[in-house]
Amino acid sequence: MAQKVIEVIGESTEGFAKAAANAVAEAARTIQGIKWARIVEQEMALEGSKVLNYRVTARIYYDA
């Protein structure tokens, strides 16, 4: 079995977990057979010490 991989960015104001879920949901809109997701990067947009936005880069693995 072969798998393909794409990278998707997800964002949320609620936290990293929600940003990751948003990345998977976005990928699932056009890709079937998603098997795994790996978070490869996490970032926060800040204003001083206040977190404005959470962003993750996710690698999405799916059946070819």
PDB file of N, CA and C in Angstrom:
ATOM      1  N   MET A   1       0.836  -1.170   0.000  1.00  0.00           N
ATOM      2  CA  MET A   1       0.000   0.000   0.000  1.00  0.00           C
ATOM      3  C   MET A   1       0.887   1.241   0.000  1.00  0.00           C
ATOM      4  N   ALA A   2       0.490   2.225  -0.772  1.00  0.00           N
ATOM      5  CA  ALA A   2       1.215   3.493  -0.822  1.00  0.00           C
ATOM      6  C   ALA A   2       0.344   4.581  -0.209  1.00  0.00           C
ATOM      7  N   GLN A   3       0.994   5.544   0.406  1.00  0.00           N
ATOM      8  CA  GLN A   3       0.274   6.690   0.944  1.00  0.00           C
ATOM      9  C   GLN A   3       0.844   7.971   0.359  1.00  0.00           C
ATOM     10  N   LYS A   4      -0.010   8.971   0.242  1.00  0.00           N
ATOM     11  CA  LYS A   4       0.411  10.297  -0.175  1.00  0.00           C
ATOM     12  C   LYS A   4       0.407  11.201   1.047  1.00  0.00           C
ATOM     13  N   VAL A   5       1.142  12.310   0.937  1.00  0.00           N
ATOM     14  CA  VAL A   5       1.254  13.250   2.045  1.00  0.00           C
ATOM     15  C   VAL A   5       1.074  14.672   1.519  1.00  0.00           C
ATOM     16  N   ILE A   6       0.283  15.449   2.229  1.00  0.00           N
ATOM     17  CA  ILE A   6       0.177  16.882   1.939  1.00  0.00           C
ATOM     18  C   ILE A   6       0.387  17.642   3.247  1.00  0.00           C
ATOM     19  N   GLU A   7       0.726  18.907   3.148  1.00  0.00           N
ATOM     20  CA  GLU A   7       0.797  19.761   4.328  1.00  0.00           C
ATOM     21  C   GLU A   7      -0.336  20.775   4.275  1.00  0.00           C
ATOM     22  N   VAL A   8      -1.000  20.920   5.411  1.00  0.00           N
ATOM     23  CA  VAL A   8      -2.139  21.823   5.526  1.00  0.00           C
ATOM     24  C   VAL A   8      -1.933  22.686   6.771  1.00  0.00           C
ATOM     25  N   ILE A   9      -2.295  23.957   6.670  1.00  0.00           N
ATOM     26  CA  ILE A   9      -2.218  24.858   7.815  1.00  0.00           C
ATOM     27  C   ILE A   9      -3.615  25.056   8.378  1.00  0.00           C
ATOM     28  N   GLY A  10      -3.730  24.901   9.694  1.00  0.00           N
ATOM     29  CA  GLY A  10      -4.988  25.153  10.383  1.00  0.00           C
ATOM     30  C   GLY A  10      -4.809  26.270  11.391  1.00  0.00           C
ATOM     31  N   GLU A  11      -5.851  27.071  11.575  1.00  0.00           N
ATOM     32  CA  GLU A  11      -5.787  28.190  12.513  1.00  0.00           C
ATOM     33  C   GLU A  11      -7.007  28.200  13.420  1.00  0.00           C
ATOM     34  N   SER A  12      -6.828  28.772  14.605  1.00  0.00           N
ATOM     35  CA  SER A  12      -7.929  28.916  15.552  1.00  0.00           C
ATOM     36  C   SER A  12      -7.566  29.972  16.589  1.00  0.00           C
ATOM     37  N   THR A  13      -8.571  30.606  17.130  1.00  0.00           N
ATOM     38  CA  THR A  13      -8.361  31.501  18.265  1.00  0.00           C
ATOM     39  C   THR A  13      -8.516  30.749  19.583  1.00  0.00           C
ATOM     40  N   GLU A  14      -8.905  29.464  19.508  1.00  0.00           N
ATOM     41  CA  GLU A  14      -9.227  28.680  20.704  1.00  0.00           C
ATOM     42  C   GLU A  14      -8.090  27.802  21.206  1.00  0.00           C
ATOM     43  N   GLY A  15      -7.059  27.560  20.411  1.00  0.00           N
ATOM     44  CA  GLY A  15      -5.953  26.733  20.877  1.00  0.00           C
ATOM     45  C   GLY A  15      -5.391  25.854  19.779  1.00  0.00           C
ATOM     46  N   PHE A  16      -4.273  25.191  20.111  1.00  0.00           N
ATOM     47  CA  PHE A  16      -3.599  24.343  19.135  1.00  0.00           C
ATOM     48  C   PHE A  16      -4.442  23.136  18.733  1.00  0.00           C
ATOM     49  N   ALA A  17      -5.154  22.537  19.682  1.00  0.00           N
ATOM     50  CA  ALA A  17      -5.971  21.359  19.355  1.00  0.00           C
ATOM     51  C   ALA A  17      -7.052  21.710  18.335  1.00  0.00           C
ATOM     52  N   LYS A  18      -7.686  22.845  18.503  1.00  0.00           N
ATOM     53  CA  LYS A  18      -8.724  23.277  17.557  1.00  0.00           C
ATOM     54  C   LYS A  18      -8.105  23.620  16.205  1.00  0.00           C
ATOM     55  N   ALA A  19      -6.923  24.225  16.207  1.00  0.00           N
ATOM     56  CA  ALA A  19      -6.234  24.528  14.950  1.00  0.00           C
ATOM     57  C   ALA A  19      -5.905  23.236  14.204  1.00  0.00           C
ATOM     58  N   ALA A  20      -5.459  22.206  14.934  1.00  0.00           N
ATOM     59  CA  ALA A  20      -5.156  20.916  14.313  1.00  0.00           C
ATOM     60  C   ALA A  20      -6.423  20.282  13.747  1.00  0.00           C
ATOM     61  N   ALA A  21      -7.514  20.337  14.499  1.00  0.00           N
ATOM     62  CA  ALA A  21      -8.787  19.789  14.018  1.00  0.00           C
ATOM     63  C   ALA A  21      -9.253  20.529  12.767  1.00  0.00           C
ATOM     64  N   ASN A  22      -9.039  21.835  12.723  1.00  0.00           N
ATOM     65  CA  ASN A  22      -9.416  22.610  11.540  1.00  0.00           C
ATOM     66  C   ASN A  22      -8.585  22.215  10.324  1.00  0.00           C
ATOM     67  N   ALA A  23      -7.306  21.920  10.525  1.00  0.00           N
ATOM     68  CA  ALA A  23      -6.452  21.484   9.415  1.00  0.00           C
ATOM     69  C   ALA A  23      -6.953  20.160   8.843  1.00  0.00           C
ATOM     70  N   VAL A  24      -7.286  19.219   9.714  1.00  0.00           N
ATOM     71  CA  VAL A  24      -7.788  17.915   9.263  1.00  0.00           C
ATOM     72  C   VAL A  24      -9.141  18.079   8.569  1.00  0.00           C
ATOM     73  N   ALA A  25     -10.008  18.902   9.127  1.00  0.00           N
ATOM     74  CA  ALA A  25     -11.327  19.124   8.518  1.00  0.00           C
ATOM     75  C   ALA A  25     -11.193  19.738   7.131  1.00  0.00           C
ATOM     76  N   GLU A  26     -10.271  20.667   6.976  1.00  0.00           N
ATOM     77  CA  GLU A  26     -10.057  21.295   5.666  1.00  0.00           C
ATOM     78  C   GLU A  26      -9.558  20.266   4.652  1.00  0.00           C
ATOM     79  N   ALA A  27      -8.609  19.420   5.055  1.00  0.00           N
ATOM     80  CA  ALA A  27      -8.100  18.384   4.155  1.00  0.00           C
ATOM     81  C   ALA A  27      -9.205  17.398   3.779  1.00  0.00           C
ATOM     82  N   ALA A  28     -10.058  17.060   4.736  1.00  0.00           N
ATOM     83  CA  ALA A  28     -11.120  16.079   4.503  1.00  0.00           C
ATOM     84  C   ALA A  28     -12.182  16.581   3.524  1.00  0.00           C
ATOM     85  N   ARG A  29     -12.223  17.883   3.287  1.00  0.00           N
ATOM     86  CA  ARG A  29     -13.181  18.415   2.308  1.00  0.00           C
ATOM     87  C   ARG A  29     -12.891  17.906   0.903  1.00  0.00           C
ATOM     88  N   THR A  30     -11.631  17.629   0.588  1.00  0.00           N
ATOM     89  CA  THR A  30     -11.267  17.232  -0.778  1.00  0.00           C
ATOM     90  C   THR A  30     -10.520  15.907  -0.862  1.00  0.00           C
ATOM     91  N   ILE A  31     -10.138  15.340   0.269  1.00  0.00           N
ATOM     92  CA  ILE A  31      -9.341  14.106   0.264  1.00  0.00           C
ATOM     93  C   ILE A  31     -10.087  13.019   1.025  1.00  0.00           C
ATOM     94  N   GLN A  32     -10.122  11.839   0.430  1.00  0.00           N
ATOM     95  CA  GLN A  32     -10.714  10.682   1.098  1.00  0.00           C
ATOM     96  C   GLN A  32      -9.596   9.755   1.548  1.00  0.00           C
ATOM     97  N   GLY A  33      -9.884   8.919   2.515  1.00  0.00           N
ATOM     98  CA  GLY A  33      -8.922   7.921   2.961  1.00  0.00           C
ATOM     99  C   GLY A  33      -7.835   8.466   3.866  1.00  0.00           C
ATOM    100  N   ILE A  34      -8.113   9.553   4.600  1.00  0.00           N
ATOM    101  CA  ILE A  34      -7.119  10.104   5.526  1.00  0.00           C
ATOM    102  C   ILE A  34      -6.866   9.091   6.636  1.00  0.00           C
ATOM    103  N   LYS A  35      -5.591   8.823   6.904  1.00  0.00           N
ATOM    104  CA  LYS A  35      -5.215   7.831   7.906  1.00  0.00           C
ATOM    105  C   LYS A  35      -4.504   8.433   9.108  1.00  0.00           C
ATOM    106  N   TRP A  36      -3.658   9.436   8.885  1.00  0.00           N
ATOM    107  CA  TRP A  36      -2.834  10.004   9.953  1.00  0.00           C
ATOM    108  C   TRP A  36      -2.687  11.495   9.753  1.00  0.00           C
ATOM    109  N   ALA A  37      -2.406  12.177  10.837  1.00  0.00           N
ATOM    110  CA  ALA A  37      -2.000  13.581  10.776  1.00  0.00           C
ATOM    111  C   ALA A  37      -0.855  13.763  11.768  1.00  0.00           C
ATOM    112  N   ARG A  38       0.160  14.479  11.341  1.00  0.00           N
ATOM    113  CA  ARG A  38       1.302  14.774  12.213  1.00  0.00           C
ATOM    114  C   ARG A  38       1.485  16.287  12.264  1.00  0.00           C
ATOM    115  N   ILE A  39       1.504  16.833  13.461  1.00  0.00           N
ATOM    116  CA  ILE A  39       1.744  18.265  13.618  1.00  0.00           C
ATOM    117  C   ILE A  39       3.252  18.488  13.548  1.00  0.00           C
ATOM    118  N   VAL A  40       3.666  19.280  12.558  1.00  0.00           N
ATOM    119  CA  VAL A  40       5.101  19.493  12.354  1.00  0.00           C
ATOM    120  C   VAL A  40       5.552  20.878  12.805  1.00  0.00           C
ATOM    121  N   GLU A  41       4.595  21.780  13.050  1.00  0.00           N
ATOM    122  CA  GLU A  41       4.960  23.118  13.485  1.00  0.00           C
ATOM    123  C   GLU A  41       3.782  23.758  14.208  1.00  0.00           C
ATOM    124  N   GLN A  42       4.090  24.512  15.251  1.00  0.00           N
ATOM    125  CA  GLN A  42       3.081  25.266  15.981  1.00  0.00           C
ATOM    126  C   GLN A  42       3.552  26.708  16.097  1.00  0.00           C
ATOM    127  N   GLU A  43       2.625  27.638  15.886  1.00  0.00           N
ATOM    128  CA  GLU A  43       2.948  29.059  15.980  1.00  0.00           C
ATOM    129  C   GLU A  43       1.803  29.790  16.671  1.00  0.00           C
ATOM    130  N   MET A  44       2.138  30.926  17.265  1.00  0.00           N
ATOM    131  CA  MET A  44       1.117  31.783  17.859  1.00  0.00           C
ATOM    132  C   MET A  44       1.326  33.204  17.365  1.00  0.00           C
ATOM    133  N   ALA A  45       0.239  33.874  17.016  1.00  0.00           N
ATOM    134  CA  ALA A  45       0.284  35.303  16.727  1.00  0.00           C
ATOM    135  C   ALA A  45       0.056  36.020  18.055  1.00  0.00           C
ATOM    136  N   LEU A  46       0.921  36.965  18.361  1.00  0.00           N
ATOM    137  CA  LEU A  46       0.884  37.631  19.660  1.00  0.00           C
ATOM    138  C   LEU A  46       0.717  39.134  19.521  1.00  0.00           C
ATOM    139  N   GLU A  47       0.126  39.703  20.551  1.00  0.00           N
ATOM    140  CA  GLU A  47       0.124  41.151  20.733  1.00  0.00           C
ATOM    141  C   GLU A  47       0.596  41.376  22.162  1.00  0.00           C
ATOM    142  N   GLY A  48       1.885  41.677  22.298  1.00  0.00           N
ATOM    143  CA  GLY A  48       2.476  41.712  23.635  1.00  0.00           C
ATOM    144  C   GLY A  48       2.481  40.305  24.200  1.00  0.00           C
ATOM    145  N   SER A  49       1.866  40.129  25.360  1.00  0.00           N
ATOM    146  CA  SER A  49       1.790  38.790  25.953  1.00  0.00           C
ATOM    147  C   SER A  49       0.459  38.099  25.663  1.00  0.00           C
ATOM    148  N   LYS A  50      -0.405  38.744  24.887  1.00  0.00           N
ATOM    149  CA  LYS A  50      -1.721  38.174  24.570  1.00  0.00           C
ATOM    150  C   LYS A  50      -1.651  37.348  23.283  1.00  0.00           C
ATOM    151  N   VAL A  51      -2.174  36.124  23.348  1.00  0.00           N
ATOM    152  CA  VAL A  51      -2.235  35.256  22.170  1.00  0.00           C
ATOM    153  C   VAL A  51      -3.466  35.639  21.355  1.00  0.00           C
ATOM    154  N   LEU A  52      -3.238  35.985  20.090  1.00  0.00           N
ATOM    155  CA  LEU A  52      -4.337  36.360  19.200  1.00  0.00           C
ATOM    156  C   LEU A  52      -4.847  35.186  18.383  1.00  0.00           C
ATOM    157  N   ASN A  53      -3.922  34.295  17.980  1.00  0.00           N
ATOM    158  CA  ASN A  53      -4.274  33.215  17.060  1.00  0.00           C
ATOM    159  C   ASN A  53      -3.276  32.071  17.202  1.00  0.00           C
ATOM    160  N   TYR A  54      -3.772  30.857  17.050  1.00  0.00           N
ATOM    161  CA  TYR A  54      -2.930  29.656  17.056  1.00  0.00           C
ATOM    162  C   TYR A  54      -2.900  29.095  15.645  1.00  0.00           C
ATOM    163  N   ARG A  55      -1.726  28.619  15.231  1.00  0.00           N
ATOM    164  CA  ARG A  55      -1.580  28.061  13.881  1.00  0.00           C
ATOM    165  C   ARG A  55      -0.733  26.795  13.968  1.00  0.00           C
ATOM    166  N   VAL A  56      -1.170  25.761  13.255  1.00  0.00           N
ATOM    167  CA  VAL A  56      -0.379  24.536  13.146  1.00  0.00           C
ATOM    168  C   VAL A  56      -0.186  24.189  11.681  1.00  0.00           C
ATOM    169  N   THR A  57       0.941  23.587  11.400  1.00  0.00           N
ATOM    170  CA  THR A  57       1.173  22.964  10.103  1.00  0.00           C
ATOM    171  C   THR A  57       1.069  21.469  10.329  1.00  0.00           C
ATOM    172  N   ALA A  58       0.165  20.829   9.598  1.00  0.00           N
ATOM    173  CA  ALA A  58      -0.078  19.396   9.761  1.00  0.00           C
ATOM    174  C   ALA A  58       0.273  18.663   8.474  1.00  0.00           C
ATOM    175  N   ARG A  59       0.955  17.549   8.614  1.00  0.00           N
ATOM    176  CA  ARG A  59       1.144  16.633   7.491  1.00  0.00           C
ATOM    177  C   ARG A  59      -0.001  15.637   7.541  1.00  0.00           C
ATOM    178  N   ILE A  60      -0.722  15.547   6.450  1.00  0.00           N
ATOM    179  CA  ILE A  60      -1.877  14.662   6.346  1.00  0.00           C
ATOM    180  C   ILE A  60      -1.492  13.485   5.455  1.00  0.00           C
ATOM    181  N   TYR A  61      -1.622  12.283   5.987  1.00  0.00           N
ATOM    182  CA  TYR A  61      -1.284  11.057   5.258  1.00  0.00           C
ATOM    183  C   TYR A  61      -2.584  10.381   4.830  1.00  0.00           C
ATOM    184  N   TYR A  62      -2.666  10.019   3.554  1.00  0.00           N
ATOM    185  CA  TYR A  62      -3.891   9.385   3.055  1.00  0.00           C
ATOM    186  C   TYR A  62      -3.551   8.321   2.017  1.00  0.00           C
ATOM    187  N   ASP A  63      -4.495   7.399   1.821  1.00  0.00           N
ATOM    188  CA  ASP A  63      -4.295   6.304   0.872  1.00  0.00           C
ATOM    189  C   ASP A  63      -4.260   6.833  -0.550  1.00  0.00           C
ATOM    190  N   ALA A  64      -3.317   6.315  -1.315  1.00  0.00           N
ATOM    191  CA  ALA A  64      -3.176   6.728  -2.722  1.00  0.00           C
ATOM    192  C   ALA A  64      -4.159   5.975  -3.587  1.00  0.00           C
TER     193      ALA A  64
END
